[in-house]
Each structure stands twice: as C-alpha cells, then as structure tokens.
Amino acid sequence: FFSANNITRVVSRGWEPRIFLEYKAKKVTCSGTLGYDYIRSTNKVAVQNPKIDAGSQLIYTPVHQGFINLQVEFKSFRVLYQHRFTGETQG
C-alpha cells in the first residue's frame, strides 16, 4: 500500500538567468528572451518508501530547464515562436 507523504527536510536552491533583447525599426519590432534554470532540490533525510537517499535530487524535479521566445511584430500582426527544454528527472 502506498500513500502520499510529505518530505519535510528539503533544501531548494538554484539560478535563473534571463536575457531579453529588442530591436525596433519603423513598423517592425523584433524581440527575444532566453532563459535557463538550474534547480537543485535535495532531500536532507533518507526516506525508505519510496527509497530516496539523503542528498539526492527530488523525483520529478529536473535539474536543468531552458527556454527561448522569439517574436516579430508588424503593424497589428504578431508571430511568436516558443521552445522549451526540460532535462531528465528521476522517478
């Protein structure tokens, strides 16, 4: 039998840099955003069920994530491209 349990001793830390660029020329605006997330969420106490070692990354929490958004606007029209990367998770 398995039931959800809270893991009470977790430490989360990370880094989330973002870069935004924009260029305007008459009726056209080009912009873009680039971002990266480094996330470390670790359990400080070992858990038996489900088995999680002390100091290991929490299951279903990726360490690496990134994204890019590119946008072009002309008068009242807008084209947007979005791409996201999510690293592997445990679990």
C-alpha atoms as a PDB file:
ATOM      1  CA  PHE A   1       0.000   0.000   0.000  1.00  0.00           C
ATOM      2  CA  PHE A   2       1.346   3.423  -0.952  1.00  0.00           C
ATOM      3  CA  SER A   3       0.106   6.836   0.101  1.00  0.00           C
ATOM      4  CA  ALA A   4       1.461  10.333  -0.486  1.00  0.00           C
ATOM      5  CA  ASN A   5       3.776  11.605   2.217  1.00  0.00           C
ATOM      6  CA  ASN A   6       5.441  14.984   2.600  1.00  0.00           C
ATOM      7  CA  ILE A   7       9.227  15.028   2.743  1.00  0.00           C
ATOM      8  CA  THR A   8       9.773  17.560   5.477  1.00  0.00           C
ATOM      9  CA  ARG A   9      13.506  18.258   5.179  1.00  0.00           C
ATOM     10  CA  VAL A  10      14.152  19.578   1.672  1.00  0.00           C
ATOM     11  CA  VAL A  11      16.594  22.270   0.562  1.00  0.00           C
ATOM     12  CA  SER A  12      15.901  24.056  -2.746  1.00  0.00           C
ATOM     13  CA  ARG A  13      18.337  26.395  -4.437  1.00  0.00           C
ATOM     14  CA  GLY A  14      19.062  27.458  -7.953  1.00  0.00           C
ATOM     15  CA  TRP A  15      19.964  30.024 -10.552  1.00  0.00           C
ATOM     16  CA  GLU A  16      17.588  31.568 -13.097  1.00  0.00           C
ATOM     17  CA  PRO A  17      19.324  33.981 -15.512  1.00  0.00           C
ATOM     18  CA  ARG A  18      17.289  35.744 -18.230  1.00  0.00           C
ATOM     19  CA  ILE A  19      18.327  37.770 -21.296  1.00  0.00           C
ATOM     20  CA  PHE A  20      15.875  39.999 -23.146  1.00  0.00           C
ATOM     21  CA  LEU A  21      16.725  41.738 -26.445  1.00  0.00           C
ATOM     22  CA  GLU A  22      14.581  44.028 -28.563  1.00  0.00           C
ATOM     23  CA  TYR A  23      15.108  45.793 -31.891  1.00  0.00           C
ATOM     24  CA  LYS A  24      12.717  48.362 -33.370  1.00  0.00           C
ATOM     25  CA  ALA A  25      12.793  49.630 -36.949  1.00  0.00           C
ATOM     26  CA  LYS A  26       9.879  51.762 -38.189  1.00  0.00           C
ATOM     27  CA  LYS A  27       6.835  49.413 -38.118  1.00  0.00           C
ATOM     28  CA  VAL A  28       8.700  46.195 -37.245  1.00  0.00           C
ATOM     29  CA  THR A  29       9.714  45.115 -33.768  1.00  0.00           C
ATOM     30  CA  CYS A  30      11.827  42.001 -33.158  1.00  0.00           C
ATOM     31  CA  SER A  31      12.348  40.692 -29.641  1.00  0.00           C
ATOM     32  CA  GLY A  32      13.604  37.618 -27.907  1.00  0.00           C
ATOM     33  CA  THR A  33      14.000  36.148 -24.457  1.00  0.00           C
ATOM     34  CA  LEU A  34      16.458  33.428 -23.493  1.00  0.00           C
ATOM     35  CA  GLY A  35      16.344  31.767 -20.088  1.00  0.00           C
ATOM     36  CA  TYR A  36      17.965  28.942 -18.160  1.00  0.00           C
ATOM     37  CA  ASP A  37      17.041  27.414 -14.796  1.00  0.00           C
ATOM     38  CA  TYR A  38      19.408  25.370 -12.642  1.00  0.00           C
ATOM     39  CA  ILE A  39      17.408  23.801  -9.823  1.00  0.00           C
ATOM     40  CA  ARG A  40      18.764  21.664  -7.002  1.00  0.00           C
ATOM     41  CA  SER A  41      16.071  20.342  -4.675  1.00  0.00           C
ATOM     42  CA  THR A  42      17.558  17.745  -2.405  1.00  0.00           C
ATOM     43  CA  ASN A  43      16.233  15.676   0.438  1.00  0.00           C
ATOM     44  CA  LYS A  44      18.295  16.028   3.610  1.00  0.00           C
ATOM     45  CA  VAL A  45      16.990  12.878   5.300  1.00  0.00           C
ATOM     46  CA  ALA A  46      16.840   9.407   3.748  1.00  0.00           C
ATOM     47  CA  VAL A  47      13.345   8.064   3.051  1.00  0.00           C
ATOM     48  CA  GLN A  48      12.589   4.345   2.896  1.00  0.00           C
ATOM     49  CA  ASN A  49       9.345   4.299   0.868  1.00  0.00           C
ATOM     50  CA  PRO A  50       9.803   5.452  -1.825  1.00  0.00           C
ATOM     51  CA  LYS A  51      13.552   4.964  -1.477  1.00  0.00           C
ATOM     52  CA  ILE A  52      15.299   8.350  -1.628  1.00  0.00           C
ATOM     53  CA  ASP A  53      18.873   8.712  -0.433  1.00  0.00           C
ATOM     54  CA  ALA A  54      19.877  11.726   1.623  1.00  0.00           C
ATOM     55  CA  GLY A  55      21.326  14.414  -0.644  1.00  0.00           C
ATOM     56  CA  SER A  56      19.670  13.123  -3.832  1.00  0.00           C
ATOM     57  CA  GLN A  57      17.585  15.259  -6.202  1.00  0.00           C
ATOM     58  CA  LEU A  58      13.835  15.009  -5.610  1.00  0.00           C
ATOM     59  CA  ILE A  59      11.962  12.832  -8.063  1.00  0.00           C
ATOM     60  CA  TYR A  60      10.072  14.665 -10.842  1.00  0.00           C
ATOM     61  CA  THR A  61      12.182  17.822 -10.297  1.00  0.00           C
ATOM     62  CA  PRO A  62      14.509  18.439 -13.269  1.00  0.00           C
ATOM     63  CA  VAL A  63      17.930  19.976 -12.602  1.00  0.00           C
ATOM     64  CA  HIS A  64      18.075  21.775 -15.969  1.00  0.00           C
ATOM     65  CA  GLN A  65      15.395  23.739 -17.826  1.00  0.00           C
ATOM     66  CA  GLY A  66      15.670  26.311 -20.566  1.00  0.00           C
ATOM     67  CA  PHE A  67      13.540  28.302 -22.976  1.00  0.00           C
ATOM     68  CA  ILE A  68      13.650  30.712 -25.898  1.00  0.00           C
ATOM     69  CA  ASN A  69      10.930  33.057 -27.139  1.00  0.00           C
ATOM     70  CA  LEU A  70      11.289  34.900 -30.456  1.00  0.00           C
ATOM     71  CA  GLN A  71       8.725  37.437 -31.594  1.00  0.00           C
ATOM     72  CA  VAL A  72       8.241  39.656 -34.664  1.00  0.00           C
ATOM     73  CA  GLU A  73       5.576  42.369 -34.766  1.00  0.00           C
ATOM     74  CA  PHE A  74       4.488  44.265 -37.879  1.00  0.00           C
ATOM     75  CA  LYS A  75       1.635  46.760 -37.553  1.00  0.00           C
ATOM     76  CA  SER A  76      -1.112  44.729 -35.825  1.00  0.00           C
ATOM     77  CA  PHE A  77       0.318  41.291 -36.687  1.00  0.00           C
ATOM     78  CA  ARG A  78       2.488  39.221 -34.376  1.00  0.00           C
ATOM     79  CA  VAL A  79       4.402  35.970 -34.919  1.00  0.00           C
ATOM     80  CA  LEU A  80       5.721  34.186 -31.846  1.00  0.00           C
ATOM     81  CA  TYR A  81       7.960  31.120 -31.593  1.00  0.00           C
ATOM     82  CA  GLN A  82       8.461  29.432 -28.224  1.00  0.00           C
ATOM     83  CA  HIS A  83      10.679  26.483 -27.430  1.00  0.00           C
ATOM     84  CA  ARG A  84      11.252  24.833 -24.056  1.00  0.00           C
ATOM     85  CA  PHE A  85      13.782  22.256 -22.888  1.00  0.00           C
ATOM     86  CA  THR A  86      13.301  20.236 -19.720  1.00  0.00           C
ATOM     87  CA  GLY A  87      16.062  17.938 -18.514  1.00  0.00           C
ATOM     88  CA  GLU A  88      15.664  14.411 -17.235  1.00  0.00           C
ATOM     89  CA  THR A  89      14.009  13.649 -13.928  1.00  0.00           C
ATOM     90  CA  GLN A  90      14.145  10.693 -11.581  1.00  0.00           C
ATOM     91  CA  GLY A  91      11.066   8.740 -10.809  1.00  0.00           C
END
